[in-house]
Amino acid sequence: MLVAALSAVVLAGCGNPASPAAPNATPTTTAAAPAASTVHNAADVAFVQAMIPHHAQAIAMSQFAEQRATSPQVKQLATQISQAQGPEIAQMQAMLQSWGLPAQPTSSAGTSGTTGMNGMNGGSTSATPGASGTSGMPGMMSDQQMQQLSAATGTAFDRMFLQMMIQHHTGAVDMSQTELRDGQNPDAKALAQKIIDAQRAEITQMQQLLTTI
């Protein structure tokens, strides 16, 4: 009996050091994760640097809608867009910082986003919401389009906002698909997929709203 008891104690003692061994393997696996997020290529940089002013213009358009829209559904959608894209801008600025790049200015994008962006200038002055926006940045509105939106009222504003934002979202989806195809950074690619999913859903919502306004 005494021998059996001693054997049990010895076996129990031998088992204890094995328990801490498992957690020791975990830090080795997770330590590499932060380093992976800094891996990026030119496509990642182009995506983030273009999407920041693209988002900034969408927020500016949404702020117009929050003040001027007559439809409660349009106002709600505008708030939804602002609340989603504001944090995404902050996320993208943080990406640039982690890549050793300067923050992207957003002040010039409040109206058209056509200045200060990799030499991009407003490539279109068309007042038609369905027309192409800034050259090289899919879906961007021209200064003239933004001025028309800010001057519109009533149902005309609601329809113009929805038409312009559908175009704007379509451009963002195109840019995001390019990032998924050509990008390398996992965080940027995950954000691109998030933008595609969210903005496609909002495009469908806006198309439905247009049939009721």
C-alpha atoms as a PDB file:
ATOM      1  CA  MET A   1       0.000   0.000   0.000  1.00  0.00           C
ATOM      2  CA  LEU A   2       2.814   2.373   0.917  1.00  0.00           C
ATOM      3  CA  VAL A   3       4.618   1.591  -2.331  1.00  0.00           C
ATOM      4  CA  ALA A   4       1.448   2.241  -4.305  1.00  0.00           C
ATOM      5  CA  ALA A   5       0.880   5.557  -2.563  1.00  0.00           C
ATOM      6  CA  LEU A   6       4.467   6.653  -3.205  1.00  0.00           C
ATOM      7  CA  SER A   7       4.132   5.637  -6.848  1.00  0.00           C
ATOM      8  CA  ALA A   8       0.990   7.781  -7.172  1.00  0.00           C
ATOM      9  CA  VAL A   9       2.777  10.803  -5.687  1.00  0.00           C
ATOM     10  CA  VAL A  10       5.746  10.351  -8.040  1.00  0.00           C
ATOM     11  CA  LEU A  11       3.472  10.044 -11.051  1.00  0.00           C
ATOM     12  CA  ALA A  12       1.481  13.117 -10.017  1.00  0.00           C
ATOM     13  CA  GLY A  13       4.700  15.052  -9.542  1.00  0.00           C
ATOM     14  CA  CYS A  14       5.906  14.072 -12.977  1.00  0.00           C
ATOM     15  CA  GLY A  15       2.647  15.227 -14.521  1.00  0.00           C
ATOM     16  CA  ASN A  16       2.711  18.762 -13.123  1.00  0.00           C
ATOM     17  CA  PRO A  17       5.643  20.175 -15.139  1.00  0.00           C
ATOM     18  CA  ALA A  18       3.928  19.053 -18.337  1.00  0.00           C
ATOM     19  CA  SER A  19       0.957  21.389 -17.755  1.00  0.00           C
ATOM     20  CA  PRO A  20       2.787  24.733 -18.199  1.00  0.00           C
ATOM     21  CA  ALA A  21       4.486  23.402 -21.328  1.00  0.00           C
ATOM     22  CA  ALA A  22       1.382  23.817 -23.538  1.00  0.00           C
ATOM     23  CA  PRO A  23       0.903  27.570 -22.936  1.00  0.00           C
ATOM     24  CA  ASN A  24       4.582  28.164 -23.780  1.00  0.00           C
ATOM     25  CA  ALA A  25       3.880  27.234 -27.409  1.00  0.00           C
ATOM     26  CA  THR A  26       1.110  29.833 -27.780  1.00  0.00           C
ATOM     27  CA  PRO A  27       3.192  33.056 -27.661  1.00  0.00           C
ATOM     28  CA  THR A  28       5.464  31.651 -30.376  1.00  0.00           C
ATOM     29  CA  THR A  29       2.443  31.331 -32.686  1.00  0.00           C
ATOM     30  CA  THR A  30       0.842  34.716 -31.917  1.00  0.00           C
ATOM     31  CA  ALA A  31       4.050  36.758 -31.821  1.00  0.00           C
ATOM     32  CA  ALA A  32       4.313  36.755 -35.617  1.00  0.00           C
ATOM     33  CA  ALA A  33       0.806  38.207 -36.153  1.00  0.00           C
ATOM     34  CA  PRO A  34       1.629  41.915 -35.599  1.00  0.00           C
ATOM     35  CA  ALA A  35       4.606  41.700 -37.983  1.00  0.00           C
ATOM     36  CA  ALA A  36       2.400  40.211 -40.718  1.00  0.00           C
ATOM     37  CA  SER A  37       0.069  43.246 -40.659  1.00  0.00           C
ATOM     38  CA  THR A  38       2.914  45.553 -41.730  1.00  0.00           C
ATOM     39  CA  VAL A  39       3.574  43.570 -44.899  1.00  0.00           C
ATOM     40  CA  HIS A  40       2.221  45.593 -47.810  1.00  0.00           C
ATOM     41  CA  ASN A  41       2.752  46.418 -51.454  1.00  0.00           C
ATOM     42  CA  ALA A  42       2.051  49.319 -53.797  1.00  0.00           C
ATOM     43  CA  ALA A  43      -1.529  48.169 -54.364  1.00  0.00           C
ATOM     44  CA  ASP A  44      -2.251  48.329 -50.626  1.00  0.00           C
ATOM     45  CA  VAL A  45      -0.870  51.859 -50.403  1.00  0.00           C
ATOM     46  CA  ALA A  46      -2.819  53.018 -53.469  1.00  0.00           C
ATOM     47  CA  PHE A  47      -6.029  51.499 -52.092  1.00  0.00           C
ATOM     48  CA  VAL A  48      -5.741  53.124 -48.671  1.00  0.00           C
ATOM     49  CA  GLN A  49      -4.566  56.500 -49.942  1.00  0.00           C
ATOM     50  CA  ALA A  50      -7.451  56.673 -52.423  1.00  0.00           C
ATOM     51  CA  MET A  51     -10.137  55.225 -50.168  1.00  0.00           C
ATOM     52  CA  ILE A  52      -9.545  57.765 -47.392  1.00  0.00           C
ATOM     53  CA  PRO A  53     -10.682  60.795 -49.465  1.00  0.00           C
ATOM     54  CA  HIS A  54     -13.304  58.614 -51.139  1.00  0.00           C
ATOM     55  CA  HIS A  55     -14.800  57.865 -47.713  1.00  0.00           C
ATOM     56  CA  ALA A  56     -14.406  61.500 -46.679  1.00  0.00           C
ATOM     57  CA  GLN A  57     -16.516  62.637 -49.606  1.00  0.00           C
ATOM     58  CA  ALA A  58     -19.196  60.048 -48.801  1.00  0.00           C
ATOM     59  CA  ILE A  59     -19.325  61.426 -45.261  1.00  0.00           C
ATOM     60  CA  ALA A  60     -19.658  64.988 -46.606  1.00  0.00           C
ATOM     61  CA  MET A  61     -22.537  63.864 -48.840  1.00  0.00           C
ATOM     62  CA  SER A  62     -24.149  62.078 -45.915  1.00  0.00           C
ATOM     63  CA  GLN A  63     -23.907  65.187 -43.761  1.00  0.00           C
ATOM     64  CA  PHE A  64     -25.835  67.066 -46.451  1.00  0.00           C
ATOM     65  CA  ALA A  65     -28.494  64.350 -46.314  1.00  0.00           C
ATOM     66  CA  GLU A  66     -28.723  64.409 -42.529  1.00  0.00           C
ATOM     67  CA  GLN A  67     -29.581  68.113 -42.790  1.00  0.00           C
ATOM     68  CA  ARG A  68     -31.598  68.302 -46.015  1.00  0.00           C
ATOM     69  CA  ALA A  69     -33.276  64.974 -46.755  1.00  0.00           C
ATOM     70  CA  THR A  70     -37.028  64.828 -46.404  1.00  0.00           C
ATOM     71  CA  SER A  71     -37.230  61.029 -46.290  1.00  0.00           C
ATOM     72  CA  PRO A  72     -36.580  59.504 -42.838  1.00  0.00           C
ATOM     73  CA  GLN A  73     -35.139  56.430 -44.575  1.00  0.00           C
ATOM     74  CA  VAL A  74     -32.636  58.581 -46.480  1.00  0.00           C
ATOM     75  CA  LYS A  75     -31.639  60.375 -43.277  1.00  0.00           C
ATOM     76  CA  GLN A  76     -31.174  57.045 -41.503  1.00  0.00           C
ATOM     77  CA  LEU A  77     -29.070  55.693 -44.366  1.00  0.00           C
ATOM     78  CA  ALA A  78     -26.905  58.823 -44.354  1.00  0.00           C
ATOM     79  CA  THR A  79     -26.233  58.420 -40.635  1.00  0.00           C
ATOM     80  CA  GLN A  80     -25.423  54.749 -41.184  1.00  0.00           C
ATOM     81  CA  ILE A  81     -22.872  55.639 -43.880  1.00  0.00           C
ATOM     82  CA  SER A  82     -21.200  58.313 -41.731  1.00  0.00           C
ATOM     83  CA  GLN A  83     -20.981  56.059 -38.694  1.00  0.00           C
ATOM     84  CA  ALA A  84     -19.459  53.215 -40.719  1.00  0.00           C
ATOM     85  CA  GLN A  85     -16.974  55.146 -42.809  1.00  0.00           C
ATOM     86  CA  GLY A  86     -15.606  57.487 -40.128  1.00  0.00           C
ATOM     87  CA  PRO A  87     -13.983  54.644 -38.155  1.00  0.00           C
ATOM     88  CA  GLU A  88     -12.762  53.088 -41.407  1.00  0.00           C
ATOM     89  CA  ILE A  89     -10.891  56.307 -42.220  1.00  0.00           C
ATOM     90  CA  ALA A  90      -9.230  56.142 -38.793  1.00  0.00           C
ATOM     91  CA  GLN A  91      -8.336  52.489 -39.445  1.00  0.00           C
ATOM     92  CA  MET A  92      -6.762  53.323 -42.787  1.00  0.00           C
ATOM     93  CA  GLN A  93      -4.788  56.245 -41.345  1.00  0.00           C
ATOM     94  CA  ALA A  94      -3.424  53.817 -38.744  1.00  0.00           C
ATOM     95  CA  MET A  95      -2.425  51.430 -41.534  1.00  0.00           C
ATOM     96  CA  LEU A  96      -0.428  54.162 -43.249  1.00  0.00           C
ATOM     97  CA  GLN A  97       1.293  54.976 -39.978  1.00  0.00           C
ATOM     98  CA  SER A  98       2.189  51.313 -39.412  1.00  0.00           C
ATOM     99  CA  TRP A  99       3.677  51.224 -42.912  1.00  0.00           C
ATOM    100  CA  GLY A 100       5.855  54.266 -42.168  1.00  0.00           C
ATOM    101  CA  LEU A 101       3.792  56.567 -44.414  1.00  0.00           C
ATOM    102  CA  PRO A 102       2.271  59.968 -43.550  1.00  0.00           C
ATOM    103  CA  ALA A 103      -1.416  60.314 -42.767  1.00  0.00           C
ATOM    104  CA  GLN A 104      -3.588  61.065 -45.766  1.00  0.00           C
ATOM    105  CA  PRO A 105      -5.199  64.545 -45.789  1.00  0.00           C
ATOM    106  CA  THR A 106      -9.000  64.500 -45.844  1.00  0.00           C
ATOM    107  CA  SER A 107      -9.880  68.206 -45.662  1.00  0.00           C
ATOM    108  CA  SER A 108      -9.698  68.684 -49.436  1.00  0.00           C
ATOM    109  CA  ALA A 109     -12.031  65.728 -49.916  1.00  0.00           C
ATOM    110  CA  GLY A 110     -14.924  67.344 -48.084  1.00  0.00           C
ATOM    111  CA  THR A 111     -16.329  68.660 -51.320  1.00  0.00           C
ATOM    112  CA  SER A 112     -14.832  66.823 -54.245  1.00  0.00           C
ATOM    113  CA  GLY A 113     -11.683  65.098 -53.067  1.00  0.00           C
ATOM    114  CA  THR A 114     -10.035  66.165 -56.300  1.00  0.00           C
ATOM    115  CA  THR A 115      -6.955  67.900 -54.923  1.00  0.00           C
ATOM    116  CA  GLY A 116      -3.812  66.695 -53.282  1.00  0.00           C
ATOM    117  CA  MET A 117      -4.417  63.052 -54.133  1.00  0.00           C
ATOM    118  CA  ASN A 118      -1.401  61.622 -55.969  1.00  0.00           C
ATOM    119  CA  GLY A 119      -1.693  64.389 -58.554  1.00  0.00           C
ATOM    120  CA  MET A 120      -5.324  63.596 -59.270  1.00  0.00           C
ATOM    121  CA  ASN A 121      -7.438  66.487 -60.465  1.00  0.00           C
ATOM    122  CA  GLY A 122     -11.136  66.679 -61.188  1.00  0.00           C
ATOM    123  CA  GLY A 123     -11.541  64.914 -64.474  1.00  0.00           C
ATOM    124  CA  SER A 124     -15.230  65.545 -64.927  1.00  0.00           C
ATOM    125  CA  THR A 125     -17.491  68.539 -64.542  1.00  0.00           C
ATOM    126  CA  SER A 126     -20.610  66.683 -65.541  1.00  0.00           C
ATOM    127  CA  ALA A 127     -23.641  67.528 -63.451  1.00  0.00           C
ATOM    128  CA  THR A 128     -25.266  64.195 -64.173  1.00  0.00           C
ATOM    129  CA  PRO A 129     -25.239  61.961 -61.061  1.00  0.00           C
ATOM    130  CA  GLY A 130     -24.639  58.903 -63.211  1.00  0.00           C
ATOM    131  CA  ALA A 131     -21.608  60.375 -64.957  1.00  0.00           C
ATOM    132  CA  SER A 132     -18.074  59.412 -64.114  1.00  0.00           C
ATOM    133  CA  GLY A 133     -16.499  61.335 -61.257  1.00  0.00           C
ATOM    134  CA  THR A 134     -12.882  62.161 -60.595  1.00  0.00           C
ATOM    135  CA  SER A 135     -10.416  60.691 -63.047  1.00  0.00           C
ATOM    136  CA  GLY A 136      -8.649  57.712 -61.502  1.00  0.00           C
ATOM    137  CA  MET A 137     -10.968  57.513 -58.502  1.00  0.00           C
ATOM    138  CA  PRO A 138     -14.137  55.591 -59.388  1.00  0.00           C
ATOM    139  CA  GLY A 139     -17.389  57.095 -58.199  1.00  0.00           C
ATOM    140  CA  MET A 140     -16.037  60.425 -56.971  1.00  0.00           C
ATOM    141  CA  MET A 141     -18.264  63.474 -57.452  1.00  0.00           C
ATOM    142  CA  SER A 142     -16.998  66.605 -59.171  1.00  0.00           C
ATOM    143  CA  ASP A 143     -17.119  70.015 -57.469  1.00  0.00           C
ATOM    144  CA  GLN A 144     -20.110  70.919 -59.604  1.00  0.00           C
ATOM    145  CA  GLN A 145     -22.004  67.804 -58.568  1.00  0.00           C
ATOM    146  CA  MET A 146     -21.318  68.484 -54.900  1.00  0.00           C
ATOM    147  CA  GLN A 147     -22.526  72.070 -55.316  1.00  0.00           C
ATOM    148  CA  GLN A 148     -25.700  70.856 -56.983  1.00  0.00           C
ATOM    149  CA  LEU A 149     -26.330  68.414 -54.159  1.00  0.00           C
ATOM    150  CA  SER A 150     -25.797  71.072 -51.499  1.00  0.00           C
ATOM    151  CA  ALA A 151     -28.256  73.386 -53.275  1.00  0.00           C
ATOM    152  CA  ALA A 152     -31.013  70.813 -53.845  1.00  0.00           C
ATOM    153  CA  THR A 153     -34.063  70.583 -51.578  1.00  0.00           C
ATOM    154  CA  GLY A 154     -37.033  68.349 -50.944  1.00  0.00           C
ATOM    155  CA  THR A 155     -37.636  65.168 -52.898  1.00  0.00           C
ATOM    156  CA  ALA A 156     -35.230  66.348 -55.591  1.00  0.00           C
ATOM    157  CA  PHE A 157     -32.450  66.282 -53.011  1.00  0.00           C
ATOM    158  CA  ASP A 158     -33.391  62.809 -51.812  1.00  0.00           C
ATOM    159  CA  ARG A 159     -33.297  61.377 -55.332  1.00  0.00           C
ATOM    160  CA  MET A 160     -30.058  63.161 -56.233  1.00  0.00           C
ATOM    161  CA  PHE A 161     -28.371  61.956 -53.053  1.00  0.00           C
ATOM    162  CA  LEU A 162     -29.399  58.351 -53.679  1.00  0.00           C
ATOM    163  CA  GLN A 163     -28.304  58.438 -57.328  1.00  0.00           C
ATOM    164  CA  MET A 164     -24.947  59.985 -56.463  1.00  0.00           C
ATOM    165  CA  MET A 165     -24.314  57.669 -53.541  1.00  0.00           C
ATOM    166  CA  ILE A 166     -25.091  54.598 -55.646  1.00  0.00           C
ATOM    167  CA  GLN A 167     -22.422  55.786 -58.095  1.00  0.00           C
ATOM    168  CA  HIS A 168     -20.065  56.559 -55.205  1.00  0.00           C
ATOM    169  CA  HIS A 169     -20.562  53.141 -53.601  1.00  0.00           C
ATOM    170  CA  THR A 170     -20.127  51.387 -56.944  1.00  0.00           C
ATOM    171  CA  GLY A 171     -16.763  53.099 -57.274  1.00  0.00           C
ATOM    172  CA  ALA A 172     -15.742  52.012 -53.775  1.00  0.00           C
ATOM    173  CA  VAL A 173     -16.677  48.419 -54.588  1.00  0.00           C
ATOM    174  CA  ASP A 174     -14.548  48.562 -57.750  1.00  0.00           C
ATOM    175  CA  MET A 175     -11.575  49.939 -55.800  1.00  0.00           C
ATOM    176  CA  SER A 176     -12.001  47.262 -53.154  1.00  0.00           C
ATOM    177  CA  GLN A 177     -12.130  44.483 -55.725  1.00  0.00           C
ATOM    178  CA  THR A 178      -8.837  45.754 -57.136  1.00  0.00           C
ATOM    179  CA  GLU A 179      -7.333  45.598 -53.640  1.00  0.00           C
ATOM    180  CA  LEU A 180      -8.515  42.006 -53.189  1.00  0.00           C
ATOM    181  CA  ARG A 181      -6.928  41.081 -56.509  1.00  0.00           C
ATOM    182  CA  ASP A 182      -3.635  42.969 -56.214  1.00  0.00           C
ATOM    183  CA  GLY A 183      -3.108  43.787 -52.524  1.00  0.00           C
ATOM    184  CA  GLN A 184      -0.934  41.951 -50.034  1.00  0.00           C
ATOM    185  CA  ASN A 185      -1.694  43.360 -46.579  1.00  0.00           C
ATOM    186  CA  PRO A 186      -4.220  41.142 -44.754  1.00  0.00           C
ATOM    187  CA  ASP A 187      -5.818  44.043 -42.878  1.00  0.00           C
ATOM    188  CA  ALA A 188      -6.288  46.094 -46.041  1.00  0.00           C
ATOM    189  CA  LYS A 189      -7.751  43.110 -47.878  1.00  0.00           C
ATOM    190  CA  ALA A 190     -10.120  42.373 -44.988  1.00  0.00           C
ATOM    191  CA  LEU A 191     -11.270  46.001 -45.018  1.00  0.00           C
ATOM    192  CA  ALA A 192     -11.784  45.822 -48.780  1.00  0.00           C
ATOM    193  CA  GLN A 193     -14.045  42.798 -48.371  1.00  0.00           C
ATOM    194  CA  LYS A 194     -15.948  44.561 -45.587  1.00  0.00           C
ATOM    195  CA  ILE A 195     -16.495  47.589 -47.841  1.00  0.00           C
ATOM    196  CA  ILE A 196     -17.717  45.370 -50.675  1.00  0.00           C
ATOM    197  CA  ASP A 197     -20.218  43.554 -48.471  1.00  0.00           C
ATOM    198  CA  ALA A 198     -21.551  46.678 -46.733  1.00  0.00           C
ATOM    199  CA  GLN A 199     -21.763  48.935 -49.754  1.00  0.00           C
ATOM    200  CA  ARG A 200     -23.336  46.358 -52.045  1.00  0.00           C
ATOM    201  CA  ALA A 201     -26.068  45.943 -49.456  1.00  0.00           C
ATOM    202  CA  GLU A 202     -26.511  49.722 -49.256  1.00  0.00           C
ATOM    203  CA  ILE A 203     -26.659  49.990 -53.054  1.00  0.00           C
ATOM    204  CA  THR A 204     -29.554  47.524 -53.046  1.00  0.00           C
ATOM    205  CA  GLN A 205     -31.238  49.514 -50.271  1.00  0.00           C
ATOM    206  CA  MET A 206     -30.820  52.793 -52.189  1.00  0.00           C
ATOM    207  CA  GLN A 207     -32.123  51.301 -55.417  1.00  0.00           C
ATOM    208  CA  GLN A 208     -35.241  50.209 -53.550  1.00  0.00           C
ATOM    209  CA  LEU A 209     -35.649  53.646 -51.979  1.00  0.00           C
ATOM    210  CA  LEU A 210     -35.517  55.272 -55.401  1.00  0.00           C
ATOM    211  CA  THR A 211     -38.638  53.353 -56.402  1.00  0.00           C
ATOM    212  CA  THR A 212     -40.587  54.874 -53.499  1.00  0.00           C
ATOM    213  CA  ILE A 213     -39.432  58.515 -53.597  1.00  0.00           C
END
